[in-house]
All heavy atoms as atom14 arrays in JSON, in Angstrom:
{
  "sequence": "GPFRDDVRRFVKGDPGIVDELAARILGSPDIYKQPDREPNRSINFVTC",
  "atom14_mask": [
    [1, 1, 1, 1, 0, 0, 0, 0, 0, 0, 0, 0, 0, 0],
    [1, 1, 1, 1, 1, 1, 1, 0, 0, 0, 0, 0, 0, 0],
    [1, 1, 1, 1, 1, 1, 1, 1, 1, 1, 1, 0, 0, 0],
    [1, 1, 1, 1, 1, 1, 1, 1, 1, 1, 1, 0, 0, 0],
    [1, 1, 1, 1, 1, 1, 1, 1, 0, 0, 0, 0, 0, 0],
    [1, 1, 1, 1, 1, 1, 1, 1, 0, 0, 0, 0, 0, 0],
    [1, 1, 1, 1, 1, 1, 1, 0, 0, 0, 0, 0, 0, 0],
    [1, 1, 1, 1, 1, 1, 1, 1, 1, 1, 1, 0, 0, 0],
    [1, 1, 1, 1, 1, 1, 1, 1, 1, 1, 1, 0, 0, 0],
    [1, 1, 1, 1, 1, 1, 1, 1, 1, 1, 1, 0, 0, 0],
    [1, 1, 1, 1, 1, 1, 1, 0, 0, 0, 0, 0, 0, 0],
    [1, 1, 1, 1, 1, 1, 1, 1, 1, 0, 0, 0, 0, 0],
    [1, 1, 1, 1, 0, 0, 0, 0, 0, 0, 0, 0, 0, 0],
    [1, 1, 1, 1, 1, 1, 1, 1, 0, 0, 0, 0, 0, 0],
    [1, 1, 1, 1, 1, 1, 1, 0, 0, 0, 0, 0, 0, 0],
    [1, 1, 1, 1, 0, 0, 0, 0, 0, 0, 0, 0, 0, 0],
    [1, 1, 1, 1, 1, 1, 1, 1, 0, 0, 0, 0, 0, 0],
    [1, 1, 1, 1, 1, 1, 1, 0, 0, 0, 0, 0, 0, 0],
    [1, 1, 1, 1, 1, 1, 1, 1, 0, 0, 0, 0, 0, 0],
    [1, 1, 1, 1, 1, 1, 1, 1, 1, 0, 0, 0, 0, 0],
    [1, 1, 1, 1, 1, 1, 1, 1, 0, 0, 0, 0, 0, 0],
    [1, 1, 1, 1, 1, 0, 0, 0, 0, 0, 0, 0, 0, 0],
    [1, 1, 1, 1, 1, 0, 0, 0, 0, 0, 0, 0, 0, 0],
    [1, 1, 1, 1, 1, 1, 1, 1, 1, 1, 1, 0, 0, 0],
    [1, 1, 1, 1, 1, 1, 1, 1, 0, 0, 0, 0, 0, 0],
    [1, 1, 1, 1, 1, 1, 1, 1, 0, 0, 0, 0, 0, 0],
    [1, 1, 1, 1, 0, 0, 0, 0, 0, 0, 0, 0, 0, 0],
    [1, 1, 1, 1, 1, 1, 0, 0, 0, 0, 0, 0, 0, 0],
    [1, 1, 1, 1, 1, 1, 1, 0, 0, 0, 0, 0, 0, 0],
    [1, 1, 1, 1, 1, 1, 1, 1, 0, 0, 0, 0, 0, 0],
    [1, 1, 1, 1, 1, 1, 1, 1, 0, 0, 0, 0, 0, 0],
    [1, 1, 1, 1, 1, 1, 1, 1, 1, 1, 1, 1, 0, 0],
    [1, 1, 1, 1, 1, 1, 1, 1, 1, 0, 0, 0, 0, 0],
    [1, 1, 1, 1, 1, 1, 1, 1, 1, 0, 0, 0, 0, 0],
    [1, 1, 1, 1, 1, 1, 1, 0, 0, 0, 0, 0, 0, 0],
    [1, 1, 1, 1, 1, 1, 1, 1, 0, 0, 0, 0, 0, 0],
    [1, 1, 1, 1, 1, 1, 1, 1, 1, 1, 1, 0, 0, 0],
    [1, 1, 1, 1, 1, 1, 1, 1, 1, 0, 0, 0, 0, 0],
    [1, 1, 1, 1, 1, 1, 1, 0, 0, 0, 0, 0, 0, 0],
    [1, 1, 1, 1, 1, 1, 1, 1, 0, 0, 0, 0, 0, 0],
    [1, 1, 1, 1, 1, 1, 1, 1, 1, 1, 1, 0, 0, 0],
    [1, 1, 1, 1, 1, 1, 0, 0, 0, 0, 0, 0, 0, 0],
    [1, 1, 1, 1, 1, 1, 1, 1, 0, 0, 0, 0, 0, 0],
    [1, 1, 1, 1, 1, 1, 1, 1, 0, 0, 0, 0, 0, 0],
    [1, 1, 1, 1, 1, 1, 1, 1, 1, 1, 1, 0, 0, 0],
    [1, 1, 1, 1, 1, 1, 1, 0, 0, 0, 0, 0, 0, 0],
    [1, 1, 1, 1, 1, 1, 1, 0, 0, 0, 0, 0, 0, 0],
    [1, 1, 1, 1, 1, 1, 0, 0, 0, 0, 0, 0, 0, 0]
  ],
  "atom14_positions": [
    [[87.83, 107.65, 104.55], [86.88, 107.24, 105.58], [86.97, 105.77, 105.94], [86.91, 105.41, 107.13], [0.0, 0.0, 0.0], [0.0, 0.0, 0.0], [0.0, 0.0, 0.0], [0.0, 0.0, 0.0], [0.0, 0.0, 0.0], [0.0, 0.0, 0.0], [0.0, 0.0, 0.0], [0.0, 0.0, 0.0], [0.0, 0.0, 0.0], [0.0, 0.0, 0.0]],
    [[87.12, 104.85, 104.97], [87.27, 103.44, 105.33], [88.49, 103.16, 106.21], [88.44, 102.25, 107.05], [87.4, 102.75, 103.96], [86.62, 103.63, 103.04], [86.9, 105.03, 103.52], [0.0, 0.0, 0.0], [0.0, 0.0, 0.0], [0.0, 0.0, 0.0], [0.0, 0.0, 0.0], [0.0, 0.0, 0.0], [0.0, 0.0, 0.0], [0.0, 0.0, 0.0]],
    [[89.59, 103.92, 106.05], [90.75, 103.73, 106.93], [90.33, 103.98, 108.38], [90.62, 103.18, 109.27], [91.88, 104.69, 106.54], [93.13, 104.53, 107.37], [94.17, 103.73, 106.94], [93.26, 105.16, 108.61], [95.32, 103.57, 107.7], [94.4, 105.02, 109.38], [95.44, 104.22, 108.93], [0.0, 0.0, 0.0], [0.0, 0.0, 0.0], [0.0, 0.0, 0.0]],
    [[89.65, 105.09, 108.62], [89.16, 105.42, 109.97], [88.3, 104.28, 110.52], [88.5, 103.82, 111.65], [88.36, 106.71, 109.91], [87.54, 107.04, 111.15], [86.44, 108.03, 110.81], [85.55, 107.47, 109.78], [84.7, 108.19, 109.04], [84.66, 109.5, 109.19], [83.93, 107.61, 108.15], [0.0, 0.0, 0.0], [0.0, 0.0, 0.0], [0.0, 0.0, 0.0]],
    [[87.35, 103.82, 109.71], [86.39, 102.83, 110.18], [87.05, 101.48, 110.46], [86.77, 100.83, 111.48], [85.26, 102.66, 109.16], [84.49, 103.95, 108.92], [84.52, 104.83, 109.82], [83.87, 104.08, 107.86], [0.0, 0.0, 0.0], [0.0, 0.0, 0.0], [0.0, 0.0, 0.0], [0.0, 0.0, 0.0], [0.0, 0.0, 0.0], [0.0, 0.0, 0.0]],
    [[87.95, 101.06, 109.56], [88.55, 99.74, 109.72], [89.57, 99.71, 110.85], [89.69, 98.7, 111.56], [89.2, 99.31, 108.4], [88.17, 99.01, 107.32], [86.99, 98.79, 107.68], [88.54, 99.02, 106.13], [0.0, 0.0, 0.0], [0.0, 0.0, 0.0], [0.0, 0.0, 0.0], [0.0, 0.0, 0.0], [0.0, 0.0, 0.0], [0.0, 0.0, 0.0]],
    [[90.33, 100.8, 111.04], [91.25, 100.86, 112.18], [90.48, 100.77, 113.49], [90.86, 100.04, 114.41], [92.11, 102.13, 112.12], [92.84, 102.35, 113.45], [93.12, 102.04, 110.99], [0.0, 0.0, 0.0], [0.0, 0.0, 0.0], [0.0, 0.0, 0.0], [0.0, 0.0, 0.0], [0.0, 0.0, 0.0], [0.0, 0.0, 0.0], [0.0, 0.0, 0.0]],
    [[89.38, 101.48, 113.58], [88.57, 101.45, 114.81], [88.01, 100.05, 115.05], [88.04, 99.55, 116.18], [87.43, 102.46, 114.71], [86.54, 102.46, 115.94], [85.54, 103.6, 115.93], [84.76, 103.57, 117.15], [83.59, 102.94, 117.29], [83.06, 102.32, 116.25], [82.96, 102.93, 118.45], [0.0, 0.0, 0.0], [0.0, 0.0, 0.0], [0.0, 0.0, 0.0]],
    [[87.51, 99.42, 114.01], [86.96, 98.08, 114.16], [88.03, 97.08, 114.62], [87.76, 96.21, 115.45], [86.35, 97.62, 112.84], [85.06, 98.36, 112.46], [84.66, 98.08, 111.02], [84.43, 96.66, 110.8], [84.4, 96.08, 109.6], [84.64, 96.8, 108.51], [84.17, 94.78, 109.5], [0.0, 0.0, 0.0], [0.0, 0.0, 0.0], [0.0, 0.0, 0.0]],
    [[89.24, 97.24, 114.1], [90.33, 96.35, 114.5], [90.71, 96.57, 115.96], [90.85, 95.61, 116.73], [91.54, 96.58, 113.6], [92.74, 95.76, 113.97], [92.84, 94.43, 113.59], [93.78, 96.31, 114.71], [93.94, 93.66, 113.94], [94.88, 95.56, 115.07], [94.97, 94.23, 114.68], [0.0, 0.0, 0.0], [0.0, 0.0, 0.0], [0.0, 0.0, 0.0]],
    [[90.86, 97.84, 116.35], [91.29, 98.15, 117.72], [90.27, 97.67, 118.75], [90.63, 97.18, 119.82], [91.57, 99.66, 117.87], [91.81, 100.02, 119.33], [92.77, 100.05, 117.04], [0.0, 0.0, 0.0], [0.0, 0.0, 0.0], [0.0, 0.0, 0.0], [0.0, 0.0, 0.0], [0.0, 0.0, 0.0], [0.0, 0.0, 0.0], [0.0, 0.0, 0.0]],
    [[88.99, 97.78, 118.43], [87.99, 97.35, 119.41], [87.63, 95.87, 119.31], [86.75, 95.39, 120.03], [86.75, 98.23, 119.35], [85.83, 98.1, 118.17], [84.77, 99.2, 118.23], [83.72, 99.06, 117.13], [82.8, 97.95, 117.35], [0.0, 0.0, 0.0], [0.0, 0.0, 0.0], [0.0, 0.0, 0.0], [0.0, 0.0, 0.0], [0.0, 0.0, 0.0]],
    [[88.34, 95.16, 118.41], [88.23, 93.71, 118.42], [87.13, 93.11, 117.58], [86.74, 91.96, 117.81], [0.0, 0.0, 0.0], [0.0, 0.0, 0.0], [0.0, 0.0, 0.0], [0.0, 0.0, 0.0], [0.0, 0.0, 0.0], [0.0, 0.0, 0.0], [0.0, 0.0, 0.0], [0.0, 0.0, 0.0], [0.0, 0.0, 0.0], [0.0, 0.0, 0.0]],
    [[86.64, 93.82, 116.57], [85.63, 93.23, 115.69], [86.23, 92.07, 114.92], [87.4, 92.13, 114.49], [85.1, 94.27, 114.71], [84.17, 95.27, 115.36], [84.01, 95.2, 116.6], [83.6, 96.12, 114.66], [0.0, 0.0, 0.0], [0.0, 0.0, 0.0], [0.0, 0.0, 0.0], [0.0, 0.0, 0.0], [0.0, 0.0, 0.0], [0.0, 0.0, 0.0]],
    [[85.48, 90.99, 114.69], [86.02, 89.83, 113.95], [86.11, 90.1, 112.46], [85.4, 90.96, 111.91], [84.99, 88.74, 114.26], [83.71, 89.47, 114.51], [84.1, 90.76, 115.18], [0.0, 0.0, 0.0], [0.0, 0.0, 0.0], [0.0, 0.0, 0.0], [0.0, 0.0, 0.0], [0.0, 0.0, 0.0], [0.0, 0.0, 0.0], [0.0, 0.0, 0.0]],
    [[86.99, 89.37, 111.78], [87.08, 89.38, 110.33], [87.54, 90.68, 109.71], [87.13, 91.01, 108.59], [0.0, 0.0, 0.0], [0.0, 0.0, 0.0], [0.0, 0.0, 0.0], [0.0, 0.0, 0.0], [0.0, 0.0, 0.0], [0.0, 0.0, 0.0], [0.0, 0.0, 0.0], [0.0, 0.0, 0.0], [0.0, 0.0, 0.0], [0.0, 0.0, 0.0]],
    [[88.43, 91.38, 110.4], [88.81, 92.72, 109.93], [90.27, 92.77, 109.45], [90.71, 93.77, 108.9], [88.58, 93.75, 111.06], [88.65, 95.18, 110.5], [89.6, 93.57, 112.17], [87.58, 95.48, 109.5], [0.0, 0.0, 0.0], [0.0, 0.0, 0.0], [0.0, 0.0, 0.0], [0.0, 0.0, 0.0], [0.0, 0.0, 0.0], [0.0, 0.0, 0.0]],
    [[91.03, 91.67, 109.6], [92.46, 91.7, 109.32], [92.74, 92.02, 107.85], [93.63, 92.82, 107.53], [93.13, 90.37, 109.73], [94.59, 90.34, 109.26], [93.08, 90.2, 111.24], [0.0, 0.0, 0.0], [0.0, 0.0, 0.0], [0.0, 0.0, 0.0], [0.0, 0.0, 0.0], [0.0, 0.0, 0.0], [0.0, 0.0, 0.0], [0.0, 0.0, 0.0]],
    [[91.98, 91.42, 106.94], [92.23, 91.67, 105.51], [92.0, 93.15, 105.17], [92.78, 93.76, 104.43], [91.32, 90.8, 104.66], [91.74, 89.33, 104.69], [92.85, 89.05, 105.16], [90.94, 88.48, 104.25], [0.0, 0.0, 0.0], [0.0, 0.0, 0.0], [0.0, 0.0, 0.0], [0.0, 0.0, 0.0], [0.0, 0.0, 0.0], [0.0, 0.0, 0.0]],
    [[90.91, 93.71, 105.71], [90.62, 95.13, 105.45], [91.71, 96.01, 106.01], [92.15, 96.98, 105.37], [89.26, 95.51, 106.03], [88.07, 95.0, 105.26], [87.69, 93.57, 105.62], [88.46, 92.92, 106.37], [86.65, 93.1, 105.14], [0.0, 0.0, 0.0], [0.0, 0.0, 0.0], [0.0, 0.0, 0.0], [0.0, 0.0, 0.0], [0.0, 0.0, 0.0]],
    [[92.19, 95.71, 107.23], [93.24, 96.51, 107.84], [94.52, 96.45, 107.02], [95.19, 97.47, 106.81], [93.51, 96.02, 109.27], [94.59, 96.82, 110.01], [94.1, 98.22, 110.33], [95.02, 96.1, 111.29], [0.0, 0.0, 0.0], [0.0, 0.0, 0.0], [0.0, 0.0, 0.0], [0.0, 0.0, 0.0], [0.0, 0.0, 0.0], [0.0, 0.0, 0.0]],
    [[94.84, 95.27, 106.52], [96.04, 95.12, 105.7], [95.95, 96.0, 104.45], [96.92, 96.65, 104.05], [96.24, 93.66, 105.32], [0.0, 0.0, 0.0], [0.0, 0.0, 0.0], [0.0, 0.0, 0.0], [0.0, 0.0, 0.0], [0.0, 0.0, 0.0], [0.0, 0.0, 0.0], [0.0, 0.0, 0.0], [0.0, 0.0, 0.0], [0.0, 0.0, 0.0]],
    [[94.76, 96.04, 103.84], [94.58, 96.88, 102.65], [94.76, 98.35, 102.99], [95.36, 99.11, 102.22], [93.2, 96.64, 102.05], [0.0, 0.0, 0.0], [0.0, 0.0, 0.0], [0.0, 0.0, 0.0], [0.0, 0.0, 0.0], [0.0, 0.0, 0.0], [0.0, 0.0, 0.0], [0.0, 0.0, 0.0], [0.0, 0.0, 0.0], [0.0, 0.0, 0.0]],
    [[94.26, 98.76, 104.15], [94.4, 100.18, 104.53], [95.87, 100.53, 104.74], [96.34, 101.6, 104.32], [93.61, 100.47, 105.82], [92.13, 100.18, 105.75], [91.41, 101.0, 104.69], [90.22, 100.27, 104.26], [90.12, 99.64, 103.1], [91.11, 99.66, 102.23], [89.01, 98.98, 102.8], [0.0, 0.0, 0.0], [0.0, 0.0, 0.0], [0.0, 0.0, 0.0]],
    [[96.63, 99.66, 105.4], [98.04, 99.93, 105.66], [98.83, 99.97, 104.36], [99.81, 100.72, 104.23], [98.61, 98.87, 106.63], [97.94, 99.01, 108.01], [100.12, 99.01, 106.77], [98.3, 97.92, 108.98], [0.0, 0.0, 0.0], [0.0, 0.0, 0.0], [0.0, 0.0, 0.0], [0.0, 0.0, 0.0], [0.0, 0.0, 0.0], [0.0, 0.0, 0.0]],
    [[98.4, 99.24, 103.37], [99.09, 99.18, 102.08], [98.71, 100.33, 101.15], [99.13, 100.36, 100.0], [98.78, 97.85, 101.38], [99.48, 96.61, 101.95], [98.92, 95.35, 101.32], [100.99, 96.71, 101.73], [0.0, 0.0, 0.0], [0.0, 0.0, 0.0], [0.0, 0.0, 0.0], [0.0, 0.0, 0.0], [0.0, 0.0, 0.0], [0.0, 0.0, 0.0]],
    [[97.89, 101.27, 101.63], [97.49, 102.4, 100.8], [96.14, 102.24, 100.14], [95.83, 102.94, 99.18], [0.0, 0.0, 0.0], [0.0, 0.0, 0.0], [0.0, 0.0, 0.0], [0.0, 0.0, 0.0], [0.0, 0.0, 0.0], [0.0, 0.0, 0.0], [0.0, 0.0, 0.0], [0.0, 0.0, 0.0], [0.0, 0.0, 0.0], [0.0, 0.0, 0.0]],
    [[95.35, 101.27, 100.63], [93.98, 101.03, 100.15], [93.93, 100.8, 98.64], [93.21, 101.48, 97.9], [93.07, 102.22, 100.52], [92.98, 102.37, 101.92], [0.0, 0.0, 0.0], [0.0, 0.0, 0.0], [0.0, 0.0, 0.0], [0.0, 0.0, 0.0], [0.0, 0.0, 0.0], [0.0, 0.0, 0.0], [0.0, 0.0, 0.0], [0.0, 0.0, 0.0]],
    [[94.66, 99.8, 98.14], [94.61, 99.53, 96.69], [93.24, 99.05, 96.23], [92.95, 99.12, 95.03], [95.68, 98.43, 96.5], [95.79, 97.77, 97.85], [95.57, 98.86, 98.85], [0.0, 0.0, 0.0], [0.0, 0.0, 0.0], [0.0, 0.0, 0.0], [0.0, 0.0, 0.0], [0.0, 0.0, 0.0], [0.0, 0.0, 0.0], [0.0, 0.0, 0.0]],
    [[92.4, 98.57, 97.15], [91.04, 98.17, 96.77], [90.14, 99.38, 96.53], [89.11, 99.27, 95.86], [90.43, 97.28, 97.85], [90.45, 97.93, 99.22], [91.35, 98.75, 99.5], [89.55, 97.63, 100.05], [0.0, 0.0, 0.0], [0.0, 0.0, 0.0], [0.0, 0.0, 0.0], [0.0, 0.0, 0.0], [0.0, 0.0, 0.0], [0.0, 0.0, 0.0]],
    [[90.54, 100.55, 97.05], [89.76, 101.78, 96.86], [90.38, 102.62, 95.76], [89.68, 103.12, 94.87], [89.7, 102.59, 98.17], [88.99, 101.79, 99.26], [89.03, 103.94, 97.95], [89.02, 102.44, 100.63], [0.0, 0.0, 0.0], [0.0, 0.0, 0.0], [0.0, 0.0, 0.0], [0.0, 0.0, 0.0], [0.0, 0.0, 0.0], [0.0, 0.0, 0.0]],
    [[91.69, 102.79, 95.8], [92.4, 103.61, 94.82], [93.06, 102.68, 93.81], [94.19, 102.23, 93.99], [93.44, 104.48, 95.53], [92.83, 105.33, 96.62], [93.07, 105.06, 97.97], [91.99, 106.4, 96.32], [92.5, 105.84, 98.96], [91.42, 107.17, 97.3], [91.68, 106.89, 98.62], [91.11, 107.66, 99.61], [0.0, 0.0, 0.0], [0.0, 0.0, 0.0]],
    [[92.33, 102.4, 92.74], [92.74, 101.34, 91.82], [93.55, 101.84, 90.63], [94.03, 101.04, 89.84], [91.48, 100.62, 91.32], [90.7, 99.95, 92.45], [89.45, 99.25, 91.94], [88.69, 98.6, 93.1], [87.46, 97.9, 92.64], [0.0, 0.0, 0.0], [0.0, 0.0, 0.0], [0.0, 0.0, 0.0], [0.0, 0.0, 0.0], [0.0, 0.0, 0.0]],
    [[93.69, 103.18, 90.5], [94.45, 103.71, 89.37], [95.91, 103.27, 89.51], [96.54, 103.53, 90.54], [94.37, 105.23, 89.33], [92.94, 105.77, 89.26], [92.37, 106.08, 90.63], [92.58, 105.33, 91.58], [91.66, 107.2, 90.74], [0.0, 0.0, 0.0], [0.0, 0.0, 0.0], [0.0, 0.0, 0.0], [0.0, 0.0, 0.0], [0.0, 0.0, 0.0]],
    [[96.47, 102.63, 88.51], [97.83, 102.07, 88.64], [98.92, 103.11, 88.85], [99.96, 102.83, 89.44], [98.03, 101.31, 87.32], [97.06, 101.93, 86.37], [95.88, 102.34, 87.2], [0.0, 0.0, 0.0], [0.0, 0.0, 0.0], [0.0, 0.0, 0.0], [0.0, 0.0, 0.0], [0.0, 0.0, 0.0], [0.0, 0.0, 0.0], [0.0, 0.0, 0.0]],
    [[98.7, 104.33, 88.35], [99.74, 105.36, 88.47], [99.48, 106.34, 89.6], [100.14, 107.37, 89.71], [99.88, 106.13, 87.15], [98.56, 106.78, 86.73], [97.5, 106.4, 87.29], [98.58, 107.65, 85.83], [0.0, 0.0, 0.0], [0.0, 0.0, 0.0], [0.0, 0.0, 0.0], [0.0, 0.0, 0.0], [0.0, 0.0, 0.0], [0.0, 0.0, 0.0]],
    [[98.5, 106.04, 90.45], [98.16, 106.95, 91.53], [99.16, 106.83, 92.68], [99.54, 105.72, 93.07], [96.75, 106.67, 92.05], [96.33, 107.59, 93.2], [95.01, 107.14, 93.79], [94.7, 107.9, 94.99], [93.82, 108.9, 95.05], [93.14, 109.22, 93.98], [93.61, 109.54, 96.17], [0.0, 0.0, 0.0], [0.0, 0.0, 0.0], [0.0, 0.0, 0.0]],
    [[99.59, 107.96, 93.24], [100.5, 107.95, 94.38], [99.74, 107.48, 95.62], [98.69, 108.02, 95.96], [101.06, 109.34, 94.63], [101.92, 109.88, 93.5], [102.4, 111.29, 93.79], [102.23, 111.74, 94.93], [102.95, 111.92, 92.87], [0.0, 0.0, 0.0], [0.0, 0.0, 0.0], [0.0, 0.0, 0.0], [0.0, 0.0, 0.0], [0.0, 0.0, 0.0]],
    [[100.25, 106.48, 96.34], [99.53, 105.98, 97.52], [99.4, 107.03, 98.62], [98.48, 106.95, 99.45], [100.39, 104.79, 97.97], [101.73, 105.01, 97.36], [101.48, 105.7, 96.08], [0.0, 0.0, 0.0], [0.0, 0.0, 0.0], [0.0, 0.0, 0.0], [0.0, 0.0, 0.0], [0.0, 0.0, 0.0], [0.0, 0.0, 0.0], [0.0, 0.0, 0.0]],
    [[100.3, 108.01, 98.62], [100.25, 109.02, 99.68], [99.14, 110.04, 99.49], [98.99, 110.94, 100.31], [101.6, 109.73, 99.78], [102.67, 108.82, 100.31], [102.45, 108.07, 101.25], [103.84, 108.85, 99.69], [0.0, 0.0, 0.0], [0.0, 0.0, 0.0], [0.0, 0.0, 0.0], [0.0, 0.0, 0.0], [0.0, 0.0, 0.0], [0.0, 0.0, 0.0]],
    [[98.36, 109.94, 98.42], [97.21, 110.83, 98.26], [96.03, 110.39, 99.11], [95.0, 111.06, 99.15], [96.82, 110.92, 96.78], [97.76, 111.8, 95.97], [97.45, 111.73, 94.49], [96.08, 112.1, 94.22], [95.4, 111.68, 93.15], [95.97, 110.86, 92.3], [94.17, 112.07, 92.96], [0.0, 0.0, 0.0], [0.0, 0.0, 0.0], [0.0, 0.0, 0.0]],
    [[96.15, 109.27, 99.77], [95.15, 108.85, 100.75], [95.5, 109.46, 102.09], [96.58, 109.22, 102.64], [95.13, 107.32, 100.87], [94.32, 106.93, 101.97], [0.0, 0.0, 0.0], [0.0, 0.0, 0.0], [0.0, 0.0, 0.0], [0.0, 0.0, 0.0], [0.0, 0.0, 0.0], [0.0, 0.0, 0.0], [0.0, 0.0, 0.0], [0.0, 0.0, 0.0]],
    [[94.59, 110.29, 102.63], [94.81, 110.87, 103.96], [94.25, 109.88, 104.98], [93.03, 109.75, 105.16], [94.12, 112.24, 104.1], [94.65, 113.2, 103.02], [94.35, 112.81, 105.49], [96.13, 113.48, 103.08], [0.0, 0.0, 0.0], [0.0, 0.0, 0.0], [0.0, 0.0, 0.0], [0.0, 0.0, 0.0], [0.0, 0.0, 0.0], [0.0, 0.0, 0.0]],
    [[95.15, 109.14, 105.62], [94.74, 108.1, 106.56], [94.51, 108.72, 107.93], [95.45, 108.97, 108.68], [95.83, 107.03, 106.63], [96.04, 106.34, 105.3], [95.12, 106.21, 104.51], [97.26, 105.9, 105.04], [0.0, 0.0, 0.0], [0.0, 0.0, 0.0], [0.0, 0.0, 0.0], [0.0, 0.0, 0.0], [0.0, 0.0, 0.0], [0.0, 0.0, 0.0]],
    [[93.25, 108.99, 108.24], [92.95, 109.63, 109.52], [92.22, 108.65, 110.43], [91.52, 107.75, 109.98], [92.14, 110.91, 109.31], [90.72, 110.73, 108.85], [89.66, 110.9, 109.72], [90.44, 110.42, 107.53], [88.35, 110.75, 109.3], [89.14, 110.28, 107.08], [88.09, 110.44, 107.97], [0.0, 0.0, 0.0], [0.0, 0.0, 0.0], [0.0, 0.0, 0.0]],
    [[92.42, 108.84, 111.73], [91.84, 107.94, 112.72], [90.57, 108.53, 113.31], [89.6, 107.82, 113.54], [92.87, 107.64, 113.84], [92.26, 106.74, 114.9], [94.11, 106.97, 113.23], [0.0, 0.0, 0.0], [0.0, 0.0, 0.0], [0.0, 0.0, 0.0], [0.0, 0.0, 0.0], [0.0, 0.0, 0.0], [0.0, 0.0, 0.0], [0.0, 0.0, 0.0]],
    [[90.58, 109.83, 113.57], [89.37, 110.49, 114.05], [89.45, 111.96, 113.7], [90.51, 112.47, 113.34], [89.18, 110.29, 115.57], [87.88, 110.73, 115.94], [90.23, 111.05, 116.36], [0.0, 0.0, 0.0], [0.0, 0.0, 0.0], [0.0, 0.0, 0.0], [0.0, 0.0, 0.0], [0.0, 0.0, 0.0], [0.0, 0.0, 0.0], [0.0, 0.0, 0.0]],
    [[88.29, 112.63, 113.76], [88.22, 114.04, 113.39], [87.09, 114.71, 114.15], [86.46, 114.1, 115.02], [88.03, 114.2, 111.88], [86.45, 113.58, 111.28], [0.0, 0.0, 0.0], [0.0, 0.0, 0.0], [0.0, 0.0, 0.0], [0.0, 0.0, 0.0], [0.0, 0.0, 0.0], [0.0, 0.0, 0.0], [0.0, 0.0, 0.0], [0.0, 0.0, 0.0]]
  ]
}
């Protein structure tokens, strides 16, 4: 869900969102903190 929200905030020009967007593109390591977790287990969706 945070991927959806942060991508939308970035696209519509909300301030202070670059760091969050970078984390989402990197597989959300701030959310999925398990060191052995596969990054592709995050379903990065934009809308539903």
